[in-house]
C-alpha cells in the first residue's frame, strides 16, 4: 500500500515542487500551479493529467484511476486510489501530472 507520506516524498523530489494546504487537502505545486493533491484521509490522490494520459492510465483499472466526476474530470483532473495501484504506476502518474502542469505553465508564460 502506498502511503500519503510516500506520495509526499515522491512529489517533493521533483524539481521546484512546493507543498501547501488546499482546503482540506495537501497540494503539490510547480510554479504555484497544482499538479497533485492528497485527501486528508490519505486514501486517494487527485492529479492533473492530459486527457490522453488520463485515458491511458485509466486502462490500468477504471475503478482505481478515473476522471473526477464533473467538469474538472473533463479537464484532466483524475482520482487515483492509493491502496490499489502499484508504486511504479503511481510514480509514472505523478511524473505525468508534474510534466503536464509544468508544460501548461511554460505555455502560458510564452503567450505573454
N, C-alpha and C. Protein backbone atom coordinates (compact mmCIF):
# COMPACT_ATOMS: atom_id res chain seq x y z
N UNK A 1 0.84 -1.18 0.00
CA UNK A 1 0.00 0.00 0.00
C UNK A 1 0.89 1.25 0.00
N UNK A 2 0.52 2.21 -0.79
CA UNK A 2 1.24 3.47 -0.86
C UNK A 2 0.66 4.43 0.18
N UNK A 3 1.53 5.02 0.96
CA UNK A 3 1.07 5.95 1.99
C UNK A 3 1.08 7.39 1.47
N UNK A 4 0.35 8.25 2.17
CA UNK A 4 0.36 9.67 1.83
C UNK A 4 1.78 10.23 1.98
N UNK A 5 2.53 9.74 2.97
CA UNK A 5 3.90 10.20 3.16
C UNK A 5 4.78 9.82 1.97
N UNK A 6 4.57 8.65 1.41
CA UNK A 6 5.36 8.24 0.24
C UNK A 6 5.03 9.12 -0.97
N UNK A 7 3.76 9.43 -1.17
CA UNK A 7 3.37 10.35 -2.25
C UNK A 7 4.06 11.69 -2.03
N UNK A 8 4.05 12.16 -0.82
CA UNK A 8 4.69 13.44 -0.48
C UNK A 8 6.17 13.41 -0.83
N UNK A 9 6.86 12.35 -0.46
CA UNK A 9 8.29 12.21 -0.75
C UNK A 9 8.54 12.23 -2.25
N UNK A 10 7.74 11.48 -3.01
CA UNK A 10 7.92 11.44 -4.46
C UNK A 10 7.66 12.80 -5.09
N UNK A 11 6.62 13.48 -4.65
CA UNK A 11 6.30 14.80 -5.22
C UNK A 11 7.40 15.81 -4.91
N UNK A 12 7.84 15.85 -3.66
CA UNK A 12 8.85 16.83 -3.27
C UNK A 12 10.22 16.54 -3.87
N UNK A 13 10.43 15.34 -4.37
CA UNK A 13 11.70 15.00 -5.02
C UNK A 13 11.80 15.63 -6.42
N UNK A 14 10.69 16.07 -6.98
CA UNK A 14 10.70 16.69 -8.31
C UNK A 14 11.14 18.15 -8.19
N UNK A 15 11.77 18.64 -9.23
CA UNK A 15 12.35 19.99 -9.22
C UNK A 15 11.30 21.08 -9.00
N UNK A 16 11.61 21.99 -8.09
CA UNK A 16 10.82 23.20 -7.82
C UNK A 16 9.42 22.94 -7.28
N UNK A 17 9.18 21.79 -6.70
CA UNK A 17 7.84 21.48 -6.16
C UNK A 17 7.73 22.04 -4.75
N UNK A 18 6.59 22.65 -4.49
CA UNK A 18 6.27 23.16 -3.16
C UNK A 18 5.01 22.48 -2.64
N UNK A 19 4.97 22.28 -1.35
CA UNK A 19 3.81 21.69 -0.68
C UNK A 19 3.05 22.80 0.04
N UNK A 20 1.73 22.79 -0.09
CA UNK A 20 0.93 23.76 0.65
C UNK A 20 -0.49 23.24 0.83
N UNK A 21 -1.22 23.78 1.81
CA UNK A 21 -2.60 23.34 2.01
C UNK A 21 -3.49 23.82 0.87
N UNK A 22 -4.51 23.04 0.60
CA UNK A 22 -5.52 23.41 -0.40
C UNK A 22 -6.86 22.90 0.15
N UNK A 23 -7.59 23.78 0.78
CA UNK A 23 -8.81 23.42 1.51
C UNK A 23 -8.47 22.33 2.52
N UNK A 24 -9.14 21.18 2.46
CA UNK A 24 -8.87 20.11 3.42
C UNK A 24 -7.84 19.11 2.90
N UNK A 25 -7.10 19.49 1.87
CA UNK A 25 -6.11 18.60 1.25
C UNK A 25 -4.71 19.19 1.35
N UNK A 26 -3.73 18.36 1.03
CA UNK A 26 -2.36 18.81 0.86
C UNK A 26 -2.11 18.87 -0.64
N UNK A 27 -1.59 20.00 -1.11
CA UNK A 27 -1.33 20.13 -2.55
C UNK A 27 0.16 20.20 -2.82
N UNK A 28 0.51 19.81 -4.02
CA UNK A 28 1.88 19.89 -4.51
C UNK A 28 1.83 20.71 -5.79
N UNK A 29 2.71 21.72 -5.85
CA UNK A 29 2.64 22.71 -6.91
C UNK A 29 3.98 22.90 -7.58
N UNK A 30 3.90 23.25 -8.86
CA UNK A 30 5.05 23.69 -9.62
C UNK A 30 4.73 25.10 -10.09
N UNK A 31 5.53 26.07 -9.68
CA UNK A 31 5.31 27.49 -10.03
C UNK A 31 3.89 27.93 -9.68
N UNK A 32 3.44 27.56 -8.48
CA UNK A 32 2.14 27.93 -7.93
C UNK A 32 0.94 27.24 -8.58
N UNK A 33 1.18 26.31 -9.50
CA UNK A 33 0.09 25.57 -10.15
C UNK A 33 0.05 24.15 -9.57
N UNK A 34 -1.13 23.73 -9.13
CA UNK A 34 -1.30 22.40 -8.52
C UNK A 34 -1.20 21.32 -9.59
N UNK A 35 -0.41 20.28 -9.28
CA UNK A 35 -0.39 19.09 -10.13
C UNK A 35 -0.89 17.86 -9.39
N UNK A 36 -0.94 17.91 -8.05
CA UNK A 36 -1.43 16.77 -7.28
C UNK A 36 -1.93 17.24 -5.92
N UNK A 37 -2.95 16.54 -5.41
CA UNK A 37 -3.42 16.74 -4.04
C UNK A 37 -3.64 15.38 -3.41
N UNK A 38 -3.53 15.36 -2.09
CA UNK A 38 -3.83 14.14 -1.32
C UNK A 38 -4.96 14.49 -0.37
N UNK A 39 -5.99 13.63 -0.33
CA UNK A 39 -7.07 13.91 0.62
C UNK A 39 -6.59 13.65 2.04
N UNK A 40 -7.26 14.26 3.00
CA UNK A 40 -6.83 14.20 4.39
C UNK A 40 -6.77 12.76 4.92
N UNK A 41 -7.67 11.92 4.47
CA UNK A 41 -7.67 10.53 4.92
C UNK A 41 -6.54 9.72 4.28
N UNK A 42 -5.91 10.28 3.24
CA UNK A 42 -4.81 9.59 2.58
C UNK A 42 -5.23 8.39 1.77
N UNK A 43 -6.45 8.42 1.27
CA UNK A 43 -6.96 7.29 0.51
C UNK A 43 -6.84 7.46 -0.99
N UNK A 44 -6.87 8.71 -1.45
CA UNK A 44 -6.74 8.93 -2.89
C UNK A 44 -5.98 10.21 -3.19
N UNK A 45 -5.38 10.18 -4.36
CA UNK A 45 -4.65 11.33 -4.88
C UNK A 45 -5.46 11.87 -6.04
N UNK A 46 -5.45 13.17 -6.21
CA UNK A 46 -6.06 13.79 -7.37
C UNK A 46 -4.92 14.45 -8.15
N UNK A 47 -4.80 14.14 -9.44
CA UNK A 47 -3.72 14.66 -10.26
C UNK A 47 -4.28 15.32 -11.52
N UNK A 48 -3.50 16.24 -12.08
CA UNK A 48 -3.87 16.92 -13.33
C UNK A 48 -3.11 16.25 -14.46
N UNK A 49 -3.83 15.51 -15.29
CA UNK A 49 -3.22 14.82 -16.43
C UNK A 49 -3.74 15.42 -17.73
N UNK A 50 -3.03 15.16 -18.80
CA UNK A 50 -3.59 15.47 -20.12
C UNK A 50 -4.74 14.48 -20.33
N UNK A 51 -5.63 14.79 -21.22
CA UNK A 51 -6.76 13.89 -21.49
C UNK A 51 -6.26 12.54 -22.01
N UNK A 52 -5.22 12.56 -22.83
CA UNK A 52 -4.69 11.29 -23.35
C UNK A 52 -4.04 10.46 -22.23
N UNK A 53 -3.30 11.11 -21.31
CA UNK A 53 -2.72 10.37 -20.18
C UNK A 53 -3.82 9.86 -19.25
N UNK A 54 -4.87 10.65 -19.07
CA UNK A 54 -5.99 10.22 -18.23
C UNK A 54 -6.58 8.93 -18.80
N UNK A 55 -6.78 8.89 -20.10
CA UNK A 55 -7.33 7.69 -20.75
C UNK A 55 -6.36 6.52 -20.65
N UNK A 56 -5.09 6.79 -20.89
CA UNK A 56 -4.08 5.74 -20.86
C UNK A 56 -3.96 5.12 -19.47
N UNK A 57 -3.79 5.93 -18.45
CA UNK A 57 -3.65 5.39 -17.10
C UNK A 57 -4.95 4.75 -16.62
N UNK A 58 -6.09 5.22 -17.12
CA UNK A 58 -7.37 4.61 -16.77
C UNK A 58 -7.50 3.18 -17.26
N UNK A 59 -6.70 2.82 -18.26
CA UNK A 59 -6.72 1.44 -18.75
C UNK A 59 -6.20 0.45 -17.71
N UNK A 60 -5.39 0.94 -16.78
CA UNK A 60 -4.88 0.07 -15.71
C UNK A 60 -6.06 -0.58 -14.99
N UNK A 61 -6.98 0.23 -14.53
CA UNK A 61 -8.20 -0.25 -13.88
C UNK A 61 -9.08 0.99 -13.65
N UNK A 62 -10.21 1.09 -14.37
CA UNK A 62 -11.05 2.28 -14.25
C UNK A 62 -11.71 2.47 -12.89
N UNK A 63 -11.56 1.50 -11.99
CA UNK A 63 -12.05 1.70 -10.62
C UNK A 63 -10.94 2.22 -9.71
N UNK A 64 -9.71 2.28 -10.23
CA UNK A 64 -8.55 2.74 -9.47
C UNK A 64 -8.06 4.10 -9.98
N UNK A 65 -8.08 4.30 -11.30
CA UNK A 65 -7.67 5.55 -11.94
C UNK A 65 -8.84 6.02 -12.78
N UNK A 66 -9.46 7.15 -12.38
CA UNK A 66 -10.68 7.57 -13.07
C UNK A 66 -10.84 9.09 -13.01
N UNK A 67 -11.50 9.66 -14.01
CA UNK A 67 -11.70 11.12 -14.02
C UNK A 67 -12.54 11.58 -12.84
N UNK A 68 -12.25 12.77 -12.33
CA UNK A 68 -13.09 13.39 -11.33
C UNK A 68 -14.48 13.53 -11.97
N UNK A 69 -15.55 13.12 -11.28
CA UNK A 69 -16.86 13.04 -11.91
C UNK A 69 -17.60 14.38 -12.04
N UNK A 70 -17.01 15.32 -12.73
CA UNK A 70 -17.67 16.59 -13.03
C UNK A 70 -16.87 17.29 -14.12
N UNK A 71 -17.06 18.57 -14.30
CA UNK A 71 -16.34 19.27 -15.36
C UNK A 71 -14.83 19.21 -15.16
N UNK A 72 -14.35 19.10 -13.91
CA UNK A 72 -12.92 19.02 -13.66
C UNK A 72 -12.32 17.76 -14.29
N UNK A 73 -13.07 16.69 -14.29
CA UNK A 73 -12.61 15.45 -14.92
C UNK A 73 -12.40 15.61 -16.41
N UNK A 74 -13.24 16.40 -17.04
CA UNK A 74 -13.11 16.65 -18.48
C UNK A 74 -11.90 17.53 -18.79
N UNK A 75 -11.34 18.17 -17.76
CA UNK A 75 -10.13 18.99 -17.93
C UNK A 75 -8.86 18.21 -17.58
N UNK A 76 -9.02 16.93 -17.25
CA UNK A 76 -7.87 16.08 -16.96
C UNK A 76 -7.65 15.75 -15.50
N UNK A 77 -8.45 16.33 -14.61
CA UNK A 77 -8.29 16.02 -13.19
C UNK A 77 -8.75 14.59 -12.95
N UNK A 78 -7.90 13.83 -12.28
CA UNK A 78 -8.07 12.38 -12.19
C UNK A 78 -7.82 11.90 -10.77
N UNK A 79 -8.70 11.02 -10.28
CA UNK A 79 -8.51 10.39 -8.98
C UNK A 79 -7.73 9.10 -9.14
N UNK A 80 -6.87 8.81 -8.15
CA UNK A 80 -6.12 7.55 -8.09
C UNK A 80 -6.28 6.99 -6.69
N UNK A 81 -6.79 5.77 -6.57
CA UNK A 81 -6.97 5.11 -5.28
C UNK A 81 -5.61 4.56 -4.86
N UNK A 82 -5.06 5.10 -3.78
CA UNK A 82 -3.67 4.83 -3.40
C UNK A 82 -3.40 3.39 -3.01
N UNK A 83 -4.33 2.72 -2.36
CA UNK A 83 -4.03 1.37 -1.88
C UNK A 83 -4.28 0.28 -2.93
N UNK A 84 -4.58 0.69 -4.16
CA UNK A 84 -4.88 -0.30 -5.19
C UNK A 84 -4.03 -0.13 -6.45
N UNK A 85 -2.94 0.63 -6.34
CA UNK A 85 -2.12 0.88 -7.52
C UNK A 85 -0.65 0.55 -7.20
N UNK A 86 0.05 -0.06 -8.15
CA UNK A 86 1.47 -0.36 -7.91
C UNK A 86 2.30 0.92 -7.78
N UNK A 87 3.35 0.86 -6.99
CA UNK A 87 4.20 2.03 -6.77
C UNK A 87 4.74 2.62 -8.08
N UNK A 88 5.22 1.76 -8.96
CA UNK A 88 5.80 2.25 -10.22
C UNK A 88 4.77 3.00 -11.06
N UNK A 89 3.55 2.50 -11.09
CA UNK A 89 2.49 3.17 -11.85
C UNK A 89 2.14 4.51 -11.21
N UNK A 90 2.09 4.54 -9.86
CA UNK A 90 1.80 5.79 -9.17
C UNK A 90 2.88 6.82 -9.45
N UNK A 91 4.14 6.40 -9.44
CA UNK A 91 5.24 7.31 -9.75
C UNK A 91 5.11 7.84 -11.17
N UNK A 92 4.74 6.97 -12.12
CA UNK A 92 4.56 7.40 -13.51
C UNK A 92 3.43 8.43 -13.62
N UNK A 93 2.35 8.21 -12.88
CA UNK A 93 1.21 9.14 -12.90
C UNK A 93 1.63 10.50 -12.33
N UNK A 94 2.33 10.49 -11.21
CA UNK A 94 2.79 11.75 -10.61
C UNK A 94 3.73 12.50 -11.55
N UNK A 95 4.61 11.77 -12.20
CA UNK A 95 5.54 12.39 -13.14
C UNK A 95 4.79 12.99 -14.33
N UNK A 96 3.79 12.27 -14.83
CA UNK A 96 2.99 12.79 -15.95
C UNK A 96 2.23 14.05 -15.54
N UNK A 97 1.69 14.07 -14.33
CA UNK A 97 0.96 15.25 -13.84
C UNK A 97 1.91 16.44 -13.69
N UNK A 98 3.08 16.19 -13.13
CA UNK A 98 4.09 17.24 -12.97
C UNK A 98 4.45 17.82 -14.34
N UNK A 99 4.71 16.95 -15.30
CA UNK A 99 5.10 17.41 -16.64
C UNK A 99 3.95 18.14 -17.33
N UNK A 100 2.73 17.69 -17.14
CA UNK A 100 1.57 18.35 -17.74
C UNK A 100 1.42 19.77 -17.20
N UNK A 101 1.48 19.94 -15.91
CA UNK A 101 1.30 21.27 -15.32
C UNK A 101 2.51 22.15 -15.60
N UNK A 102 3.68 21.58 -15.56
CA UNK A 102 4.89 22.34 -15.88
C UNK A 102 4.83 22.83 -17.33
N UNK A 103 4.38 21.98 -18.22
CA UNK A 103 4.23 22.34 -19.64
C UNK A 103 3.17 23.43 -19.82
N UNK A 104 2.04 23.29 -19.12
CA UNK A 104 0.99 24.30 -19.22
C UNK A 104 1.48 25.64 -18.72
N UNK A 105 2.26 25.63 -17.67
CA UNK A 105 2.80 26.87 -17.11
C UNK A 105 3.74 27.53 -18.11
N UNK A 106 4.60 26.75 -18.74
CA UNK A 106 5.53 27.30 -19.74
C UNK A 106 4.78 27.88 -20.93
N UNK A 107 3.72 27.20 -21.34
CA UNK A 107 2.93 27.68 -22.49
C UNK A 107 2.26 29.01 -22.16
N UNK A 108 1.75 29.17 -20.94
CA UNK A 108 1.07 30.43 -20.59
C UNK A 108 2.08 31.58 -20.48
N UNK A 109 3.28 31.30 -20.03
CA UNK A 109 4.31 32.33 -19.96
C UNK A 109 4.72 32.75 -21.37
N UNK A 110 4.84 31.80 -22.27
CA UNK A 110 5.28 32.09 -23.65
C UNK A 110 4.27 32.98 -24.37
N UNK A 111 2.97 32.89 -24.04
CA UNK A 111 1.94 33.68 -24.70
C UNK A 111 1.97 35.14 -24.30
N UNK A 112 2.55 35.45 -23.15
CA UNK A 112 2.56 36.84 -22.65
C UNK A 112 3.48 37.72 -23.43
